[in-house]
Amino acid sequence: MKVAGVDLAGSLGRDTGICLLEGKRITRWAVVHTDAEILVFLREKKLRLVAIDAPLHLPPGRKRIEDRNGDALDAVSGAIAIPYPA
């Protein structure tokens, strides 16, 4: 089974870690900085699951989660965003 894990940065200027696991082996990993790079990594991999670890607070200067334009989570097929209560 193929799964991916994404440790999503709180802002576009910081590192986001991403890896692909097949069974119990890490078969590919990367450090990315943009939503487009996340999507390139995830697309066409026939993944069973994508686990996303996202910050539970906003970095300084951001007032709303929507301030991150083009959020990659929206583009992953079947993804469900569960907002953290404010």
C-alpha atoms as a PDB file:
ATOM      1  CA  MET A   1       0.000   0.000   0.000  1.00  0.00           C
ATOM      2  CA  LYS A   2       1.281   3.474  -0.902  1.00  0.00           C
ATOM      3  CA  VAL A   3       0.761   6.336   1.518  1.00  0.00           C
ATOM      4  CA  ALA A   4       2.228   9.827   1.761  1.00  0.00           C
ATOM      5  CA  GLY A   5       2.938  12.020   4.747  1.00  0.00           C
ATOM      6  CA  VAL A   6       3.122  15.805   4.606  1.00  0.00           C
ATOM      7  CA  ASP A   7       4.487  17.937   7.451  1.00  0.00           C
ATOM      8  CA  LEU A   8       2.967  21.197   6.236  1.00  0.00           C
ATOM      9  CA  ALA A   9       4.745  24.446   7.093  1.00  0.00           C
ATOM     10  CA  GLY A  10       2.693  27.305   8.489  1.00  0.00           C
ATOM     11  CA  SER A  11       3.882  29.686   5.793  1.00  0.00           C
ATOM     12  CA  LEU A  12       5.110  29.400   2.232  1.00  0.00           C
ATOM     13  CA  GLY A  13       8.636  30.551   3.077  1.00  0.00           C
ATOM     14  CA  ARG A  14       9.320  27.632   5.445  1.00  0.00           C
ATOM     15  CA  ASP A  15      10.222  24.019   4.688  1.00  0.00           C
ATOM     16  CA  THR A  16       7.470  21.442   4.190  1.00  0.00           C
ATOM     17  CA  GLY A  17       8.605  17.838   4.543  1.00  0.00           C
ATOM     18  CA  ILE A  18       6.936  15.176   2.422  1.00  0.00           C
ATOM     19  CA  CYS A  19       7.534  11.459   2.012  1.00  0.00           C
ATOM     20  CA  LEU A  20       6.150   8.434   0.185  1.00  0.00           C
ATOM     21  CA  LEU A  21       5.910   5.080   1.961  1.00  0.00           C
ATOM     22  CA  GLU A  22       5.376   1.738   0.277  1.00  0.00           C
ATOM     23  CA  GLY A  23       4.705  -0.881   2.908  1.00  0.00           C
ATOM     24  CA  LYS A  24       7.175  -0.075   5.692  1.00  0.00           C
ATOM     25  CA  ARG A  25       9.782   1.553   3.440  1.00  0.00           C
ATOM     26  CA  ILE A  26      10.304   5.222   2.654  1.00  0.00           C
ATOM     27  CA  THR A  27      10.737   5.181  -1.101  1.00  0.00           C
ATOM     28  CA  ARG A  28      10.951   8.921  -1.749  1.00  0.00           C
ATOM     29  CA  TRP A  29      11.151  12.116   0.288  1.00  0.00           C
ATOM     30  CA  ALA A  30      11.575  15.815  -0.364  1.00  0.00           C
ATOM     31  CA  VAL A  31      11.638  19.245   1.187  1.00  0.00           C
ATOM     32  CA  VAL A  32       9.300  21.576  -0.695  1.00  0.00           C
ATOM     33  CA  HIS A  33       8.167  25.186  -0.318  1.00  0.00           C
ATOM     34  CA  THR A  34       5.092  25.699  -2.475  1.00  0.00           C
ATOM     35  CA  ASP A  35       1.692  24.088  -2.889  1.00  0.00           C
ATOM     36  CA  ALA A  36       2.600  23.346  -6.510  1.00  0.00           C
ATOM     37  CA  GLU A  37       5.634  21.332  -5.380  1.00  0.00           C
ATOM     38  CA  ILE A  38       3.423  19.332  -2.973  1.00  0.00           C
ATOM     39  CA  LEU A  39       1.013  18.525  -5.793  1.00  0.00           C
ATOM     40  CA  VAL A  40       3.794  17.473  -8.174  1.00  0.00           C
ATOM     41  CA  PHE A  41       5.044  15.064  -5.499  1.00  0.00           C
ATOM     42  CA  LEU A  42       1.579  13.590  -4.795  1.00  0.00           C
ATOM     43  CA  ARG A  43       0.003  13.425  -8.261  1.00  0.00           C
ATOM     44  CA  GLU A  44      -0.244  10.167 -10.173  1.00  0.00           C
ATOM     45  CA  LYS A  45       1.145   8.039  -7.334  1.00  0.00           C
ATOM     46  CA  LYS A  46      -2.090   6.014  -6.807  1.00  0.00           C
ATOM     47  CA  LEU A  47      -1.973   6.721  -3.083  1.00  0.00           C
ATOM     48  CA  ARG A  48      -4.260   5.015  -0.619  1.00  0.00           C
ATOM     49  CA  LEU A  49      -3.884   7.775   1.989  1.00  0.00           C
ATOM     50  CA  VAL A  50      -2.291  11.200   2.426  1.00  0.00           C
ATOM     51  CA  ALA A  51      -1.674  12.183   6.056  1.00  0.00           C
ATOM     52  CA  ILE A  52      -1.164  15.918   6.590  1.00  0.00           C
ATOM     53  CA  ASP A  53       0.323  17.352   9.770  1.00  0.00           C
ATOM     54  CA  ALA A  54      -0.578  21.043   9.717  1.00  0.00           C
ATOM     55  CA  PRO A  55       0.076  23.774  12.299  1.00  0.00           C
ATOM     56  CA  LEU A  56      -2.762  24.417  14.755  1.00  0.00           C
ATOM     57  CA  HIS A  57      -2.027  28.123  14.963  1.00  0.00           C
ATOM     58  CA  LEU A  58      -1.366  30.819  12.432  1.00  0.00           C
ATOM     59  CA  PRO A  59       2.087  32.316  12.036  1.00  0.00           C
ATOM     60  CA  PRO A  60       2.598  36.016  12.804  1.00  0.00           C
ATOM     61  CA  GLY A  61       0.933  38.312  10.281  1.00  0.00           C
ATOM     62  CA  ARG A  62      -1.843  35.919   9.258  1.00  0.00           C
ATOM     63  CA  LYS A  63      -5.370  36.422  10.527  1.00  0.00           C
ATOM     64  CA  ARG A  64      -7.196  33.585   8.709  1.00  0.00           C
ATOM     65  CA  ILE A  65      -6.306  30.123   7.416  1.00  0.00           C
ATOM     66  CA  GLU A  66      -7.585  31.253   4.015  1.00  0.00           C
ATOM     67  CA  ASP A  67      -4.666  33.715   3.786  1.00  0.00           C
ATOM     68  CA  ARG A  68      -2.540  30.839   2.444  1.00  0.00           C
ATOM     69  CA  ASN A  69      -3.447  31.085  -1.251  1.00  0.00           C
ATOM     70  CA  GLY A  70      -3.830  27.922  -3.333  1.00  0.00           C
ATOM     71  CA  ASP A  71      -3.847  25.538  -0.393  1.00  0.00           C
ATOM     72  CA  ALA A  72      -2.687  22.112  -1.566  1.00  0.00           C
ATOM     73  CA  LEU A  73      -5.191  20.366   0.688  1.00  0.00           C
ATOM     74  CA  ASP A  74      -8.028  21.583  -1.542  1.00  0.00           C
ATOM     75  CA  ALA A  75      -6.442  19.985  -4.583  1.00  0.00           C
ATOM     76  CA  VAL A  76      -5.983  16.464  -3.146  1.00  0.00           C
ATOM     77  CA  SER A  77      -8.883  14.370  -4.360  1.00  0.00           C
ATOM     78  CA  GLY A  78     -11.302  13.440  -1.587  1.00  0.00           C
ATOM     79  CA  ALA A  79      -9.562  15.553   1.062  1.00  0.00           C
ATOM     80  CA  ILE A  80     -11.556  16.820   4.019  1.00  0.00           C
ATOM     81  CA  ALA A  81     -10.354  19.891   5.894  1.00  0.00           C
ATOM     82  CA  ILE A  82     -11.287  19.854   9.568  1.00  0.00           C
ATOM     83  CA  PRO A  83     -10.838  23.378  10.981  1.00  0.00           C
ATOM     84  CA  TYR A  84      -9.382  23.700  14.445  1.00  0.00           C
ATOM     85  CA  PRO A  85     -11.823  25.504  16.788  1.00  0.00           C
ATOM     86  CA  ALA A  86     -10.808  29.109  17.439  1.00  0.00           C
END
